[in-house]
Amino acid sequence: MLAAGAAVVAAAELDSTLAFQLMVSRPIVLGPILGLALGNPLLGAFVGLVVELLSHAKIPIGGLVPA
């Protein structure tokens, strides 16, 4: 089960490079997918929503990449 979670995170990491830019690496999208891979999609969605709201003030616009 941990390997499935690692595979999901590794696939989402491609989104942060110049590969596809599909916004899959955003917490609101990745949370439910990772939760589904680990067996609890509702908890994954909740955690993704909370992390997305916490980072909402740092929107990547232009050259700004939040750390």
N, C-alpha and C. Protein backbone atom coordinates (compact mmCIF):
# COMPACT_ATOMS: atom_id res chain seq x y z
N MET A 1 0.83 -1.19 0.00
CA MET A 1 0.00 0.00 0.00
C MET A 1 0.88 1.25 0.00
N LEU A 2 2.00 1.20 0.70
CA LEU A 2 2.90 2.34 0.73
C LEU A 2 3.53 2.56 -0.64
N ALA A 3 3.79 1.48 -1.36
CA ALA A 3 4.35 1.61 -2.70
C ALA A 3 3.37 2.29 -3.64
N ALA A 4 2.08 2.03 -3.47
CA ALA A 4 1.07 2.69 -4.31
C ALA A 4 1.04 4.19 -4.04
N GLY A 5 1.15 4.56 -2.77
CA GLY A 5 1.19 5.98 -2.42
C GLY A 5 2.42 6.66 -2.97
N ALA A 6 3.56 5.97 -2.91
CA ALA A 6 4.80 6.52 -3.46
C ALA A 6 4.71 6.68 -4.97
N ALA A 7 4.05 5.74 -5.64
CA ALA A 7 3.89 5.83 -7.09
C ALA A 7 3.01 7.01 -7.47
N VAL A 8 1.97 7.27 -6.69
CA VAL A 8 1.09 8.42 -6.96
C VAL A 8 1.85 9.72 -6.79
N VAL A 9 2.64 9.82 -5.73
CA VAL A 9 3.41 11.04 -5.48
C VAL A 9 4.47 11.23 -6.56
N ALA A 10 5.11 10.15 -6.98
CA ALA A 10 6.12 10.25 -8.04
C ALA A 10 5.50 10.70 -9.36
N ALA A 11 4.31 10.20 -9.67
CA ALA A 11 3.63 10.62 -10.90
C ALA A 11 3.20 12.07 -10.81
N ALA A 12 2.79 12.51 -9.64
CA ALA A 12 2.38 13.91 -9.47
C ALA A 12 3.57 14.85 -9.53
N GLU A 13 4.74 14.36 -9.18
CA GLU A 13 5.93 15.20 -9.22
C GLU A 13 6.28 15.58 -10.65
N LEU A 14 5.89 14.78 -11.62
CA LEU A 14 6.11 15.15 -13.02
C LEU A 14 5.38 16.43 -13.39
N ASP A 15 4.30 16.71 -12.68
CA ASP A 15 3.51 17.90 -12.96
C ASP A 15 4.25 19.17 -12.55
N SER A 16 5.12 19.08 -11.56
CA SER A 16 5.82 20.28 -11.10
C SER A 16 7.01 20.62 -12.00
N THR A 17 7.36 19.73 -12.92
CA THR A 17 8.42 20.03 -13.88
C THR A 17 7.77 20.51 -15.17
N LEU A 18 8.52 20.54 -16.22
CA LEU A 18 7.98 21.02 -17.49
C LEU A 18 7.34 19.90 -18.31
N ALA A 19 6.92 18.82 -17.66
CA ALA A 19 6.37 17.68 -18.40
C ALA A 19 4.98 17.98 -18.94
N PHE A 20 3.99 18.21 -18.08
CA PHE A 20 2.62 18.34 -18.56
C PHE A 20 1.90 19.58 -18.04
N GLN A 21 2.15 19.99 -16.82
CA GLN A 21 1.49 21.13 -16.20
C GLN A 21 -0.03 20.97 -16.17
N LEU A 22 -0.50 19.89 -15.57
CA LEU A 22 -1.93 19.61 -15.48
C LEU A 22 -2.51 19.99 -14.12
N MET A 23 -1.72 20.59 -13.25
CA MET A 23 -2.12 21.01 -11.91
C MET A 23 -2.50 19.82 -11.03
N VAL A 24 -1.98 18.64 -11.33
CA VAL A 24 -2.26 17.46 -10.52
C VAL A 24 -1.52 17.52 -9.20
N SER A 25 -0.44 18.28 -9.15
CA SER A 25 0.34 18.34 -7.92
C SER A 25 -0.29 19.27 -6.87
N ARG A 26 -1.40 19.93 -7.20
CA ARG A 26 -2.10 20.75 -6.21
C ARG A 26 -2.70 19.85 -5.14
N PRO A 27 -2.70 20.27 -3.88
CA PRO A 27 -3.20 19.41 -2.81
C PRO A 27 -4.68 19.03 -2.96
N ILE A 28 -5.49 19.90 -3.53
CA ILE A 28 -6.92 19.61 -3.66
C ILE A 28 -7.16 18.47 -4.66
N VAL A 29 -6.25 18.28 -5.60
CA VAL A 29 -6.36 17.20 -6.57
C VAL A 29 -5.62 15.96 -6.10
N LEU A 30 -4.41 16.17 -5.58
CA LEU A 30 -3.57 15.04 -5.18
C LEU A 30 -4.08 14.36 -3.91
N GLY A 31 -4.72 15.09 -3.03
CA GLY A 31 -5.22 14.52 -1.77
C GLY A 31 -6.16 13.34 -1.96
N PRO A 32 -7.24 13.50 -2.73
CA PRO A 32 -8.14 12.35 -2.93
C PRO A 32 -7.49 11.20 -3.70
N ILE A 33 -6.61 11.53 -4.65
CA ILE A 33 -5.94 10.47 -5.41
C ILE A 33 -5.02 9.67 -4.50
N LEU A 34 -4.25 10.37 -3.68
CA LEU A 34 -3.36 9.69 -2.74
C LEU A 34 -4.17 8.95 -1.68
N GLY A 35 -5.27 9.54 -1.24
CA GLY A 35 -6.14 8.85 -0.28
C GLY A 35 -6.74 7.59 -0.87
N LEU A 36 -7.09 7.62 -2.14
CA LEU A 36 -7.62 6.43 -2.81
C LEU A 36 -6.55 5.35 -2.91
N ALA A 37 -5.31 5.76 -3.20
CA ALA A 37 -4.22 4.79 -3.29
C ALA A 37 -3.90 4.18 -1.93
N LEU A 38 -4.12 4.94 -0.86
CA LEU A 38 -3.82 4.44 0.48
C LEU A 38 -5.03 3.84 1.18
N GLY A 39 -6.20 3.91 0.55
CA GLY A 39 -7.37 3.23 1.09
C GLY A 39 -8.39 4.10 1.81
N ASN A 40 -8.21 5.42 1.84
CA ASN A 40 -9.16 6.29 2.51
C ASN A 40 -9.30 7.60 1.72
N PRO A 41 -10.08 7.59 0.64
CA PRO A 41 -10.16 8.78 -0.20
C PRO A 41 -10.82 9.98 0.48
N LEU A 42 -11.73 9.75 1.41
CA LEU A 42 -12.39 10.87 2.09
C LEU A 42 -11.40 11.62 2.97
N LEU A 43 -10.58 10.91 3.70
CA LEU A 43 -9.55 11.55 4.52
C LEU A 43 -8.53 12.28 3.64
N GLY A 44 -8.18 11.66 2.50
CA GLY A 44 -7.26 12.31 1.57
C GLY A 44 -7.83 13.60 1.02
N ALA A 45 -9.13 13.60 0.72
CA ALA A 45 -9.77 14.82 0.23
C ALA A 45 -9.80 15.90 1.30
N PHE A 46 -10.07 15.51 2.53
CA PHE A 46 -10.10 16.48 3.63
C PHE A 46 -8.72 17.09 3.86
N VAL A 47 -7.70 16.25 3.91
CA VAL A 47 -6.34 16.76 4.12
C VAL A 47 -5.92 17.64 2.94
N GLY A 48 -6.26 17.23 1.72
CA GLY A 48 -5.94 18.04 0.55
C GLY A 48 -6.62 19.39 0.58
N LEU A 49 -7.87 19.41 1.03
CA LEU A 49 -8.60 20.68 1.14
C LEU A 49 -7.97 21.60 2.18
N VAL A 50 -7.60 21.04 3.31
CA VAL A 50 -6.99 21.86 4.37
C VAL A 50 -5.65 22.43 3.90
N VAL A 51 -4.82 21.61 3.28
CA VAL A 51 -3.52 22.09 2.81
C VAL A 51 -3.70 23.12 1.69
N GLU A 52 -4.67 22.91 0.82
CA GLU A 52 -4.95 23.88 -0.24
C GLU A 52 -5.38 25.22 0.35
N LEU A 53 -6.22 25.19 1.36
CA LEU A 53 -6.66 26.44 1.98
C LEU A 53 -5.52 27.14 2.71
N LEU A 54 -4.62 26.38 3.30
CA LEU A 54 -3.48 26.99 3.99
C LEU A 54 -2.51 27.65 3.01
N SER A 55 -2.40 27.10 1.82
CA SER A 55 -1.48 27.67 0.84
C SER A 55 -2.18 28.56 -0.17
N HIS A 56 -3.41 28.91 0.10
CA HIS A 56 -4.20 29.70 -0.86
C HIS A 56 -3.65 31.11 -1.05
N ALA A 57 -2.98 31.65 -0.05
CA ALA A 57 -2.46 33.01 -0.15
C ALA A 57 -1.24 33.07 -1.07
N LYS A 58 -0.62 31.95 -1.36
CA LYS A 58 0.57 31.91 -2.19
C LYS A 58 0.23 31.31 -3.56
N ILE A 59 -0.41 32.08 -4.39
CA ILE A 59 -0.82 31.62 -5.71
C ILE A 59 0.35 31.80 -6.68
N PRO A 60 0.75 30.75 -7.42
CA PRO A 60 1.86 30.89 -8.36
C PRO A 60 1.44 31.67 -9.60
N ILE A 61 1.85 32.93 -9.67
CA ILE A 61 1.53 33.78 -10.82
C ILE A 61 2.83 34.25 -11.42
N GLY A 62 2.98 34.06 -12.69
CA GLY A 62 4.19 34.52 -13.38
C GLY A 62 5.43 33.80 -12.87
N GLY A 63 6.39 34.57 -12.39
CA GLY A 63 7.63 33.98 -11.92
C GLY A 63 7.61 33.60 -10.46
N LEU A 64 6.52 33.88 -9.75
CA LEU A 64 6.42 33.57 -8.32
C LEU A 64 6.13 32.08 -8.14
N VAL A 65 7.04 31.40 -7.47
CA VAL A 65 6.83 30.00 -7.15
C VAL A 65 6.90 29.88 -5.64
N PRO A 66 5.77 29.61 -4.98
CA PRO A 66 5.79 29.53 -3.52
C PRO A 66 6.64 28.36 -3.03
N ALA A 67 7.38 28.61 -1.98
CA ALA A 67 8.28 27.57 -1.43
C ALA A 67 7.57 26.75 -0.38
